[in-house]
């Protein structure tokens, strides 16, 4: 099995007869990307997620959940920060087009169909009490969960304190990310066994 993420390293070390060597092009691209990263990363962080929906409907919580690229679904949001582009869908410069389309289609299905139906449609597990997009853990009342209150000095779970504080709740995005992550591991192993096993 060979994956095309190796092609970028291989292309950098092949011999070429171009005016500019690949190593020189790589250094120029490296310096330019480093200089640009300073702009959205440190000087003007708003460029990481520009959401016109949040600007137009600044008082609406639902509009913030739908439009925010940082704390919501990111519908209509744009970014000028390359690290934000590559963090969710991998780097589109390395992966082949069919892989990008496959990941993007799955991402769109989860973000714009499954999560809104689970969050607003069915309110699964009382999801509307929690932010739609968060990596924090919550109590049943929607407050942040205090993990240190349910473990003892040896960092083992104290069942009595856990029952006193209540079960752990997650945001809908975080819960589905966990579930699909486990499904990805199982499907990868199944794919390798079926197509490459003997």
N, C-alpha and C. Protein backbone atom coordinates (compact mmCIF):
# COMPACT_ATOMS: atom_id res chain seq x y z
N UNK A 1 0.84 -1.18 0.00
CA UNK A 1 0.00 0.00 0.00
C UNK A 1 0.88 1.24 0.00
N UNK A 2 0.54 2.17 -0.86
CA UNK A 2 1.28 3.43 -0.90
C UNK A 2 0.28 4.57 -0.88
N UNK A 3 0.55 5.57 -0.10
CA UNK A 3 -0.35 6.72 -0.01
C UNK A 3 0.38 7.95 -0.54
N UNK A 4 -0.37 8.84 -1.10
CA UNK A 4 0.24 9.95 -1.83
C UNK A 4 0.82 11.04 -0.94
N UNK A 5 0.71 10.94 0.36
CA UNK A 5 1.38 11.93 1.21
C UNK A 5 2.89 11.78 1.09
N UNK A 6 3.35 10.64 0.62
CA UNK A 6 4.78 10.44 0.42
C UNK A 6 5.27 11.16 -0.83
N UNK A 7 4.37 11.51 -1.74
CA UNK A 7 4.79 12.13 -3.00
C UNK A 7 5.45 13.48 -2.80
N UNK A 8 5.01 14.24 -1.80
CA UNK A 8 5.62 15.56 -1.57
C UNK A 8 7.07 15.42 -1.15
N UNK A 9 7.37 14.45 -0.30
CA UNK A 9 8.77 14.22 0.10
C UNK A 9 9.58 13.67 -1.07
N UNK A 10 8.96 12.78 -1.83
CA UNK A 10 9.66 12.19 -2.98
C UNK A 10 9.94 13.26 -4.04
N UNK A 11 8.99 14.13 -4.31
CA UNK A 11 9.16 15.16 -5.32
C UNK A 11 10.24 16.17 -4.93
N UNK A 12 10.41 16.40 -3.65
CA UNK A 12 11.41 17.35 -3.18
C UNK A 12 12.83 16.84 -3.44
N UNK A 13 13.01 15.55 -3.47
CA UNK A 13 14.34 14.97 -3.60
C UNK A 13 14.65 14.40 -4.98
N UNK A 14 13.72 14.51 -5.93
CA UNK A 14 14.00 14.04 -7.29
C UNK A 14 14.88 15.05 -8.01
N UNK A 15 15.63 14.58 -8.99
CA UNK A 15 16.45 15.49 -9.80
C UNK A 15 15.54 16.20 -10.80
N UNK A 16 15.84 17.46 -11.04
CA UNK A 16 15.04 18.22 -12.00
C UNK A 16 15.93 19.14 -12.82
N UNK A 17 15.42 19.56 -13.96
CA UNK A 17 16.15 20.45 -14.86
C UNK A 17 15.44 21.79 -14.98
N UNK A 18 14.74 22.21 -13.95
CA UNK A 18 14.01 23.47 -13.99
C UNK A 18 14.96 24.63 -13.67
N UNK A 19 14.48 25.87 -13.94
CA UNK A 19 15.28 27.05 -13.61
C UNK A 19 15.51 27.15 -12.11
N UNK A 20 14.47 26.86 -11.35
CA UNK A 20 14.56 26.94 -9.90
C UNK A 20 14.49 25.52 -9.33
N UNK A 21 15.39 25.19 -8.45
CA UNK A 21 15.37 23.85 -7.86
C UNK A 21 14.17 23.72 -6.92
N UNK A 22 13.79 22.50 -6.66
CA UNK A 22 12.66 22.27 -5.77
C UNK A 22 12.99 22.71 -4.35
N UNK A 23 14.24 22.54 -3.95
CA UNK A 23 14.64 22.97 -2.61
C UNK A 23 14.53 24.49 -2.47
N UNK A 24 14.92 25.23 -3.51
CA UNK A 24 14.81 26.69 -3.47
C UNK A 24 13.35 27.12 -3.43
N UNK A 25 12.51 26.47 -4.23
CA UNK A 25 11.08 26.76 -4.21
C UNK A 25 10.50 26.46 -2.83
N UNK A 26 10.92 25.35 -2.23
CA UNK A 26 10.45 24.98 -0.90
C UNK A 26 10.83 26.05 0.13
N UNK A 27 12.07 26.55 0.06
CA UNK A 27 12.50 27.58 1.00
C UNK A 27 11.72 28.88 0.83
N UNK A 28 11.47 29.26 -0.43
CA UNK A 28 10.68 30.47 -0.69
C UNK A 28 9.26 30.30 -0.14
N UNK A 29 8.65 29.14 -0.40
CA UNK A 29 7.30 28.88 0.11
C UNK A 29 7.28 28.84 1.63
N UNK A 30 8.33 28.29 2.23
CA UNK A 30 8.42 28.22 3.69
C UNK A 30 8.49 29.61 4.30
N UNK A 31 9.34 30.47 3.75
CA UNK A 31 9.48 31.84 4.28
C UNK A 31 8.18 32.62 4.09
N UNK A 32 7.57 32.50 2.91
CA UNK A 32 6.31 33.22 2.66
C UNK A 32 5.19 32.74 3.59
N UNK A 33 5.07 31.43 3.76
CA UNK A 33 4.01 30.92 4.63
C UNK A 33 4.27 31.29 6.10
N UNK A 34 5.53 31.31 6.51
CA UNK A 34 5.85 31.74 7.87
C UNK A 34 5.47 33.20 8.08
N UNK A 35 5.82 34.04 7.12
CA UNK A 35 5.49 35.47 7.24
C UNK A 35 3.98 35.69 7.25
N UNK A 36 3.24 34.95 6.40
CA UNK A 36 1.79 35.13 6.37
C UNK A 36 1.15 34.60 7.65
N UNK A 37 1.70 33.52 8.21
CA UNK A 37 1.11 32.96 9.42
C UNK A 37 1.13 33.97 10.57
N UNK A 38 2.09 34.85 10.60
CA UNK A 38 2.14 35.87 11.65
C UNK A 38 0.91 36.78 11.62
N UNK A 39 0.36 37.01 10.42
CA UNK A 39 -0.79 37.92 10.31
C UNK A 39 -2.02 37.34 11.00
N UNK A 40 -2.57 36.16 10.55
CA UNK A 40 -3.75 35.66 11.26
C UNK A 40 -3.44 35.01 12.61
N UNK A 41 -2.20 34.56 12.79
CA UNK A 41 -1.85 33.88 14.03
C UNK A 41 -1.63 34.81 15.20
N UNK A 42 -1.06 36.00 14.96
CA UNK A 42 -0.70 36.89 16.06
C UNK A 42 -1.20 38.32 15.89
N UNK A 43 -1.11 38.88 14.69
CA UNK A 43 -1.42 40.29 14.51
C UNK A 43 -2.92 40.57 14.35
N UNK A 44 -3.62 39.72 13.59
CA UNK A 44 -5.03 39.97 13.28
C UNK A 44 -5.77 38.64 13.26
N UNK A 45 -6.04 38.10 14.45
CA UNK A 45 -6.59 36.74 14.56
C UNK A 45 -8.01 36.61 14.03
N UNK A 46 -8.68 37.72 13.76
CA UNK A 46 -10.02 37.65 13.18
C UNK A 46 -10.00 36.99 11.81
N UNK A 47 -8.87 37.05 11.12
CA UNK A 47 -8.77 36.42 9.80
C UNK A 47 -8.88 34.90 9.86
N UNK A 48 -8.74 34.32 11.05
CA UNK A 48 -8.88 32.87 11.19
C UNK A 48 -10.30 32.44 10.85
N UNK A 49 -11.28 33.23 11.21
CA UNK A 49 -12.67 32.90 10.90
C UNK A 49 -13.47 34.18 10.72
N UNK A 50 -13.86 34.45 9.49
CA UNK A 50 -14.66 35.63 9.19
C UNK A 50 -16.08 35.14 8.90
N UNK A 51 -17.02 35.48 9.77
CA UNK A 51 -18.39 34.99 9.65
C UNK A 51 -19.35 36.15 9.48
N UNK A 52 -19.88 36.29 8.29
CA UNK A 52 -20.82 37.38 8.03
C UNK A 52 -22.16 37.14 8.72
N UNK A 53 -22.53 35.88 8.93
CA UNK A 53 -23.79 35.59 9.62
C UNK A 53 -23.74 36.10 11.06
N UNK A 54 -22.60 35.92 11.71
CA UNK A 54 -22.45 36.39 13.10
C UNK A 54 -22.46 37.91 13.17
N UNK A 55 -21.93 38.58 12.14
CA UNK A 55 -21.95 40.05 12.13
C UNK A 55 -23.36 40.58 11.92
N UNK A 56 -24.10 39.98 10.99
CA UNK A 56 -25.44 40.46 10.68
C UNK A 56 -26.41 40.20 11.83
N UNK A 57 -26.35 38.99 12.40
CA UNK A 57 -27.25 38.61 13.49
C UNK A 57 -26.45 38.46 14.79
N UNK A 58 -25.88 39.55 15.25
CA UNK A 58 -24.96 39.50 16.40
C UNK A 58 -25.64 39.15 17.72
N UNK A 59 -26.94 39.34 17.84
CA UNK A 59 -27.64 39.05 19.09
C UNK A 59 -28.26 37.65 19.13
N UNK A 60 -28.27 36.94 18.02
CA UNK A 60 -28.92 35.64 17.95
C UNK A 60 -27.96 34.50 18.31
N UNK A 61 -28.34 33.71 19.31
CA UNK A 61 -27.52 32.57 19.71
C UNK A 61 -27.51 31.51 18.61
N UNK A 62 -28.66 31.28 17.99
CA UNK A 62 -28.74 30.28 16.92
C UNK A 62 -27.88 30.68 15.74
N UNK A 63 -27.87 31.97 15.39
CA UNK A 63 -27.02 32.43 14.29
C UNK A 63 -25.54 32.25 14.63
N UNK A 64 -25.18 32.45 15.89
CA UNK A 64 -23.80 32.22 16.30
C UNK A 64 -23.44 30.74 16.20
N UNK A 65 -24.38 29.87 16.56
CA UNK A 65 -24.13 28.43 16.46
C UNK A 65 -24.02 27.98 15.01
N UNK A 66 -24.78 28.57 14.13
CA UNK A 66 -24.75 28.18 12.72
C UNK A 66 -23.56 28.81 12.00
N UNK A 67 -23.28 30.08 12.24
CA UNK A 67 -22.31 30.81 11.44
C UNK A 67 -20.89 30.86 11.94
N UNK A 68 -20.68 30.71 13.23
CA UNK A 68 -19.33 30.86 13.77
C UNK A 68 -18.41 29.74 13.31
N UNK A 69 -17.28 30.13 12.77
CA UNK A 69 -16.30 29.14 12.34
C UNK A 69 -15.44 28.63 13.48
N UNK A 70 -15.49 29.29 14.63
CA UNK A 70 -14.69 28.87 15.78
C UNK A 70 -15.51 28.11 16.82
N UNK A 71 -16.75 28.50 17.04
CA UNK A 71 -17.58 27.87 18.07
C UNK A 71 -18.90 27.33 17.53
N UNK A 72 -19.02 27.23 16.22
CA UNK A 72 -20.27 26.75 15.64
C UNK A 72 -20.01 25.92 14.40
N UNK A 73 -21.02 25.83 13.54
CA UNK A 73 -20.95 24.99 12.35
C UNK A 73 -20.17 25.64 11.21
N UNK A 74 -19.97 26.94 11.26
CA UNK A 74 -19.15 27.61 10.25
C UNK A 74 -19.82 27.80 8.91
N UNK A 75 -21.15 27.81 8.87
CA UNK A 75 -21.86 27.99 7.61
C UNK A 75 -21.68 29.43 7.13
N UNK A 76 -21.14 29.61 5.97
CA UNK A 76 -20.90 30.94 5.42
C UNK A 76 -19.63 31.61 5.91
N UNK A 77 -18.88 30.96 6.77
CA UNK A 77 -17.64 31.55 7.29
C UNK A 77 -16.50 31.26 6.32
N UNK A 78 -15.59 32.21 6.20
CA UNK A 78 -14.39 32.00 5.39
C UNK A 78 -13.16 32.18 6.28
N UNK A 79 -12.05 31.65 5.83
CA UNK A 79 -10.82 31.78 6.59
C UNK A 79 -9.69 32.18 5.68
N UNK A 80 -8.78 32.97 6.20
CA UNK A 80 -7.55 33.33 5.49
C UNK A 80 -6.35 32.77 6.24
N UNK A 81 -6.60 31.77 7.08
CA UNK A 81 -5.56 31.13 7.88
C UNK A 81 -5.39 29.70 7.40
N UNK A 82 -4.22 29.40 6.84
CA UNK A 82 -4.00 28.08 6.27
C UNK A 82 -4.06 26.99 7.33
N UNK A 83 -3.64 27.27 8.56
CA UNK A 83 -3.69 26.25 9.60
C UNK A 83 -5.13 25.85 9.92
N UNK A 84 -6.07 26.77 9.76
CA UNK A 84 -7.49 26.43 9.97
C UNK A 84 -8.00 25.54 8.84
N UNK A 85 -7.54 25.77 7.62
CA UNK A 85 -7.95 24.94 6.48
C UNK A 85 -7.42 23.52 6.65
N UNK A 86 -6.16 23.40 6.97
CA UNK A 86 -5.51 22.08 7.02
C UNK A 86 -5.82 21.32 8.30
N UNK A 87 -6.38 21.97 9.32
CA UNK A 87 -6.61 21.27 10.58
C UNK A 87 -7.80 20.33 10.52
N UNK A 88 -8.82 20.64 9.74
CA UNK A 88 -10.01 19.81 9.71
C UNK A 88 -10.01 18.80 8.57
N UNK A 89 -9.61 19.21 7.40
CA UNK A 89 -9.72 18.33 6.23
C UNK A 89 -8.37 17.91 5.69
N UNK A 90 -7.34 17.94 6.50
CA UNK A 90 -5.97 17.62 6.10
C UNK A 90 -5.50 18.63 5.05
N UNK A 91 -4.27 18.52 4.64
CA UNK A 91 -3.73 19.48 3.69
C UNK A 91 -4.18 19.14 2.28
N UNK A 92 -4.88 20.05 1.62
CA UNK A 92 -5.32 19.76 0.26
C UNK A 92 -4.19 19.77 -0.76
N UNK A 93 -3.00 20.16 -0.37
CA UNK A 93 -1.86 20.13 -1.29
C UNK A 93 -1.19 18.76 -1.32
N UNK A 94 -1.41 17.95 -0.31
CA UNK A 94 -0.74 16.66 -0.22
C UNK A 94 -1.64 15.52 -0.69
N UNK A 95 -2.89 15.54 -0.25
CA UNK A 95 -3.80 14.44 -0.58
C UNK A 95 -4.31 14.55 -2.01
N UNK A 96 -4.59 13.42 -2.64
CA UNK A 96 -5.18 13.47 -3.99
C UNK A 96 -6.62 13.98 -3.94
N UNK A 97 -7.11 14.43 -5.07
CA UNK A 97 -8.42 15.06 -5.14
C UNK A 97 -9.54 14.13 -4.66
N UNK A 98 -9.50 12.85 -5.06
CA UNK A 98 -10.57 11.93 -4.66
C UNK A 98 -10.63 11.78 -3.14
N UNK A 99 -9.48 11.81 -2.48
CA UNK A 99 -9.46 11.68 -1.02
C UNK A 99 -10.02 12.95 -0.36
N UNK A 100 -9.69 14.10 -0.92
CA UNK A 100 -10.21 15.37 -0.39
C UNK A 100 -11.72 15.42 -0.53
N UNK A 101 -12.23 15.02 -1.70
CA UNK A 101 -13.67 15.02 -1.92
C UNK A 101 -14.36 14.05 -0.97
N UNK A 102 -13.76 12.89 -0.75
CA UNK A 102 -14.33 11.89 0.16
C UNK A 102 -14.40 12.43 1.59
N UNK A 103 -13.31 13.01 2.07
CA UNK A 103 -13.29 13.57 3.43
C UNK A 103 -14.24 14.75 3.53
N UNK A 104 -14.26 15.61 2.52
CA UNK A 104 -15.14 16.78 2.53
C UNK A 104 -16.61 16.38 2.54
N UNK A 105 -16.96 15.36 1.76
CA UNK A 105 -18.36 14.90 1.73
C UNK A 105 -18.77 14.35 3.09
N UNK A 106 -17.90 13.58 3.72
CA UNK A 106 -18.20 13.08 5.06
C UNK A 106 -18.31 14.19 6.08
N UNK A 107 -17.42 15.17 5.96
CA UNK A 107 -17.43 16.33 6.86
C UNK A 107 -18.74 17.11 6.71
N UNK A 108 -19.15 17.34 5.46
CA UNK A 108 -20.39 18.07 5.20
C UNK A 108 -21.60 17.30 5.74
N UNK A 109 -21.59 15.98 5.55
CA UNK A 109 -22.69 15.15 6.04
C UNK A 109 -22.81 15.25 7.56
N UNK A 110 -21.69 15.17 8.26
CA UNK A 110 -21.72 15.22 9.72
C UNK A 110 -22.06 16.62 10.22
N UNK A 111 -21.36 17.63 9.70
CA UNK A 111 -21.52 19.00 10.22
C UNK A 111 -22.86 19.62 9.86
N UNK A 112 -23.33 19.44 8.63
CA UNK A 112 -24.51 20.17 8.18
C UNK A 112 -25.79 19.35 8.14
N UNK A 113 -25.70 18.03 8.38
CA UNK A 113 -26.92 17.23 8.39
C UNK A 113 -27.09 16.51 9.74
N UNK A 114 -26.11 15.69 10.12
CA UNK A 114 -26.25 14.86 11.32
C UNK A 114 -26.29 15.71 12.59
N UNK A 115 -25.33 16.62 12.76
CA UNK A 115 -25.28 17.41 14.00
C UNK A 115 -26.51 18.31 14.16
N UNK A 116 -26.95 19.06 13.13
CA UNK A 116 -28.17 19.87 13.32
C UNK A 116 -29.41 19.04 13.64
N UNK A 117 -29.55 17.88 13.00
CA UNK A 117 -30.71 17.03 13.30
C UNK A 117 -30.64 16.52 14.74
N UNK A 118 -29.45 16.08 15.16
CA UNK A 118 -29.30 15.57 16.53
C UNK A 118 -29.44 16.69 17.56
N UNK A 119 -28.97 17.89 17.24
CA UNK A 119 -28.96 19.00 18.21
C UNK A 119 -30.32 19.69 18.28
N UNK A 120 -30.83 20.16 17.13
CA UNK A 120 -32.09 20.91 17.14
C UNK A 120 -33.30 20.01 16.89
N UNK A 121 -33.15 19.01 16.05
CA UNK A 121 -34.28 18.16 15.69
C UNK A 121 -34.72 17.24 16.81
N UNK A 122 -33.81 16.44 17.33
CA UNK A 122 -34.16 15.45 18.35
C UNK A 122 -33.70 15.83 19.76
N UNK A 123 -32.84 16.82 19.89
CA UNK A 123 -32.28 17.22 21.19
C UNK A 123 -31.76 15.99 21.93
N UNK A 124 -30.94 15.20 21.23
CA UNK A 124 -30.42 13.96 21.80
C UNK A 124 -29.63 14.22 23.07
N UNK A 125 -29.94 13.45 24.10
CA UNK A 125 -29.26 13.53 25.39
C UNK A 125 -29.27 14.94 25.97
N UNK A 126 -30.30 15.71 25.69
CA UNK A 126 -30.39 17.08 26.20
C UNK A 126 -29.30 17.98 25.66
N UNK A 127 -28.95 17.79 24.39
CA UNK A 127 -27.81 18.49 23.78
C UNK A 127 -27.97 20.00 23.75
N UNK A 128 -29.20 20.50 23.75
CA UNK A 128 -29.40 21.94 23.66
C UNK A 128 -28.95 22.68 24.92
N UNK A 129 -28.66 21.96 26.01
CA UNK A 129 -28.14 22.60 27.22
C UNK A 129 -26.66 22.95 27.09
N UNK A 130 -25.99 22.36 26.12
CA UNK A 130 -24.55 22.52 25.97
C UNK A 130 -24.24 23.25 24.67
N UNK A 131 -23.05 23.81 24.54
CA UNK A 131 -22.67 24.41 23.26
C UNK A 131 -22.66 23.34 22.17
N UNK A 132 -22.94 23.74 20.95
CA UNK A 132 -22.99 22.77 19.85
C UNK A 132 -21.60 22.27 19.48
N UNK A 133 -20.59 23.11 19.72
CA UNK A 133 -19.23 22.79 19.29
C UNK A 133 -18.29 23.14 20.44
N UNK A 134 -17.92 22.15 21.22
CA UNK A 134 -17.03 22.38 22.35
C UNK A 134 -16.33 21.08 22.71
N UNK A 135 -15.11 21.19 23.21
CA UNK A 135 -14.39 20.00 23.65
C UNK A 135 -14.46 19.84 25.17
N UNK A 136 -15.20 20.70 25.85
CA UNK A 136 -15.33 20.62 27.30
C UNK A 136 -16.37 19.57 27.69
N UNK A 137 -16.29 19.14 28.93
CA UNK A 137 -17.28 18.22 29.49
C UNK A 137 -18.22 19.02 30.37
N UNK A 138 -19.49 18.58 30.47
CA UNK A 138 -20.52 19.37 31.15
C UNK A 138 -21.31 18.51 32.13
N UNK A 139 -21.90 19.20 33.12
CA UNK A 139 -22.87 18.55 34.01
C UNK A 139 -24.22 18.55 33.32
N UNK A 140 -25.21 17.91 33.93
CA UNK A 140 -26.55 17.86 33.34
C UNK A 140 -27.19 19.25 33.27
N UNK A 141 -26.71 20.19 34.10
CA UNK A 141 -27.26 21.55 34.09
C UNK A 141 -26.55 22.45 33.08
N UNK A 142 -25.54 21.96 32.39
CA UNK A 142 -24.84 22.75 31.38
C UNK A 142 -23.60 23.46 31.90
N UNK A 143 -23.22 23.23 33.15
CA UNK A 143 -22.00 23.82 33.70
C UNK A 143 -20.80 22.95 33.34
N UNK A 144 -19.59 23.54 33.36
CA UNK A 144 -18.40 22.74 33.08
C UNK A 144 -18.20 21.70 34.18
N UNK A 145 -17.85 20.51 33.75
CA UNK A 145 -17.69 19.38 34.67
C UNK A 145 -16.34 19.48 35.38
N UNK A 146 -16.35 19.32 36.69
CA UNK A 146 -15.12 19.38 37.49
C UNK A 146 -14.56 17.97 37.62
N UNK A 147 -13.61 17.62 36.78
CA UNK A 147 -13.03 16.28 36.77
C UNK A 147 -12.28 16.00 38.07
N UNK A 148 -11.60 17.01 38.60
CA UNK A 148 -10.81 16.79 39.82
C UNK A 148 -11.68 16.42 41.01
N UNK A 149 -12.98 16.71 40.95
CA UNK A 149 -13.87 16.38 42.06
C UNK A 149 -14.27 14.91 42.10
N UNK A 150 -14.04 14.17 41.02
CA UNK A 150 -14.48 12.77 40.99
C UNK A 150 -13.32 11.78 41.01
N UNK A 151 -12.09 12.27 41.18
CA UNK A 151 -10.94 11.37 41.27
C UNK A 151 -10.29 11.52 42.65
N UNK A 152 -9.66 10.43 43.10
CA UNK A 152 -8.99 10.48 44.39
C UNK A 152 -7.53 10.91 44.22
N UNK A 153 -6.74 10.77 45.29
CA UNK A 153 -5.34 11.20 45.25
C UNK A 153 -4.50 10.41 44.26
N UNK A 154 -4.92 9.18 43.95
CA UNK A 154 -4.18 8.34 43.00
C UNK A 154 -4.71 8.50 41.57
N UNK A 155 -5.57 9.48 41.36
CA UNK A 155 -6.21 9.74 40.06
C UNK A 155 -7.04 8.56 39.58
N UNK A 156 -7.69 7.90 40.52
CA UNK A 156 -8.63 6.83 40.21
C UNK A 156 -10.04 7.36 40.41
N UNK A 157 -10.98 6.81 39.66
CA UNK A 157 -12.36 7.25 39.75
C UNK A 157 -12.96 6.90 41.10
N UNK A 158 -13.53 7.89 41.77
CA UNK A 158 -14.24 7.70 43.02
C UNK A 158 -15.73 7.60 42.68
N UNK A 159 -16.26 6.39 42.72
CA UNK A 159 -17.63 6.14 42.27
C UNK A 159 -18.65 6.97 43.07
N UNK A 160 -18.46 7.08 44.38
CA UNK A 160 -19.38 7.85 45.21
C UNK A 160 -19.44 9.31 44.80
N UNK A 161 -18.29 9.92 44.58
CA UNK A 161 -18.25 11.33 44.16
C UNK A 161 -18.80 11.50 42.74
N UNK A 162 -18.55 10.49 41.90
CA UNK A 162 -19.09 10.54 40.53
C UNK A 162 -20.61 10.52 40.55
N UNK A 163 -21.20 9.63 41.36
CA UNK A 163 -22.66 9.56 41.45
C UNK A 163 -23.24 10.83 42.07
N UNK A 164 -22.48 11.46 42.97
CA UNK A 164 -22.92 12.71 43.58
C UNK A 164 -22.93 13.85 42.56
N UNK A 165 -21.89 13.93 41.73
CA UNK A 165 -21.80 15.01 40.75
C UNK A 165 -22.64 14.74 39.51
N UNK A 166 -22.86 13.49 39.17
CA UNK A 166 -23.68 13.15 38.01
C UNK A 166 -22.82 12.74 36.82
N UNK A 167 -23.52 12.25 35.80
CA UNK A 167 -22.80 11.73 34.64
C UNK A 167 -22.16 12.85 33.83
N UNK A 168 -21.18 12.46 33.03
CA UNK A 168 -20.47 13.41 32.17
C UNK A 168 -21.25 13.59 30.88
N UNK A 169 -21.40 14.83 30.44
CA UNK A 169 -22.09 15.14 29.18
C UNK A 169 -21.12 15.84 28.25
N UNK A 170 -21.28 15.61 26.95
CA UNK A 170 -20.42 16.23 25.94
C UNK A 170 -21.27 17.02 24.96
N UNK A 171 -20.61 17.93 24.25
CA UNK A 171 -21.31 18.62 23.18
C UNK A 171 -21.59 17.63 22.06
N UNK A 172 -22.57 17.93 21.23
CA UNK A 172 -22.97 17.01 20.16
C UNK A 172 -21.81 16.75 19.20
N UNK A 173 -21.08 17.79 18.84
CA UNK A 173 -19.95 17.61 17.92
C UNK A 173 -18.88 16.71 18.53
N UNK A 174 -18.56 16.93 19.79
CA UNK A 174 -17.52 16.15 20.46
C UNK A 174 -17.94 14.68 20.60
N UNK A 175 -19.20 14.44 20.95
CA UNK A 175 -19.69 13.07 21.09
C UNK A 175 -19.66 12.34 19.75
N UNK A 176 -20.12 12.99 18.70
CA UNK A 176 -20.11 12.35 17.38
C UNK A 176 -18.69 12.17 16.86
N UNK A 177 -17.80 13.09 17.18
CA UNK A 177 -16.40 12.93 16.77
C UNK A 177 -15.79 11.69 17.42
N UNK A 178 -16.08 11.48 18.70
CA UNK A 178 -15.62 10.26 19.37
C UNK A 178 -16.19 9.02 18.69
N UNK A 179 -17.48 9.01 18.46
CA UNK A 179 -18.13 7.85 17.86
C UNK A 179 -17.61 7.54 16.47
N UNK A 180 -17.50 8.57 15.63
CA UNK A 180 -17.00 8.35 14.28
C UNK A 180 -15.51 8.01 14.28
N UNK A 181 -14.78 8.48 15.28
CA UNK A 181 -13.37 8.11 15.39
C UNK A 181 -13.20 6.62 15.64
N UNK A 182 -14.03 6.07 16.54
CA UNK A 182 -13.98 4.63 16.78
C UNK A 182 -14.44 3.86 15.54
N UNK A 183 -15.45 4.37 14.85
CA UNK A 183 -15.91 3.72 13.62
C UNK A 183 -14.83 3.76 12.54
N UNK A 184 -14.05 4.83 12.50
CA UNK A 184 -12.96 4.94 11.52
C UNK A 184 -11.90 3.87 11.76
N UNK A 185 -11.56 3.65 13.02
CA UNK A 185 -10.56 2.62 13.33
C UNK A 185 -11.06 1.25 12.88
N UNK A 186 -12.31 0.94 13.20
CA UNK A 186 -12.87 -0.35 12.82
C UNK A 186 -12.96 -0.50 11.30
N UNK A 187 -13.37 0.57 10.61
CA UNK A 187 -13.49 0.48 9.15
C UNK A 187 -12.13 0.41 8.47
N UNK A 188 -11.12 1.05 9.03
CA UNK A 188 -9.77 0.96 8.46
C UNK A 188 -9.24 -0.46 8.58
N UNK A 189 -9.40 -1.07 9.74
CA UNK A 189 -8.94 -2.44 9.92
C UNK A 189 -9.71 -3.41 9.02
N UNK A 190 -11.01 -3.19 8.88
CA UNK A 190 -11.81 -4.04 8.00
C UNK A 190 -11.39 -3.87 6.55
N UNK A 191 -11.15 -2.63 6.12
CA UNK A 191 -10.72 -2.37 4.74
C UNK A 191 -9.39 -3.06 4.43
N UNK A 192 -8.44 -2.92 5.32
CA UNK A 192 -7.13 -3.55 5.11
C UNK A 192 -7.26 -5.07 5.08
N UNK A 193 -8.07 -5.62 5.98
CA UNK A 193 -8.25 -7.07 6.01
C UNK A 193 -8.92 -7.58 4.74
N UNK A 194 -9.93 -6.87 4.25
CA UNK A 194 -10.65 -7.34 3.06
C UNK A 194 -9.88 -7.15 1.77
N UNK A 195 -9.20 -6.01 1.62
CA UNK A 195 -8.55 -5.71 0.35
C UNK A 195 -7.08 -6.11 0.28
N UNK A 196 -6.42 -6.20 1.42
CA UNK A 196 -4.98 -6.49 1.40
C UNK A 196 -4.61 -7.73 2.21
N UNK A 197 -5.58 -8.33 2.88
CA UNK A 197 -5.29 -9.54 3.64
C UNK A 197 -5.19 -10.76 2.73
N UNK A 198 -4.52 -11.77 3.19
CA UNK A 198 -4.38 -12.99 2.37
C UNK A 198 -4.96 -14.17 3.10
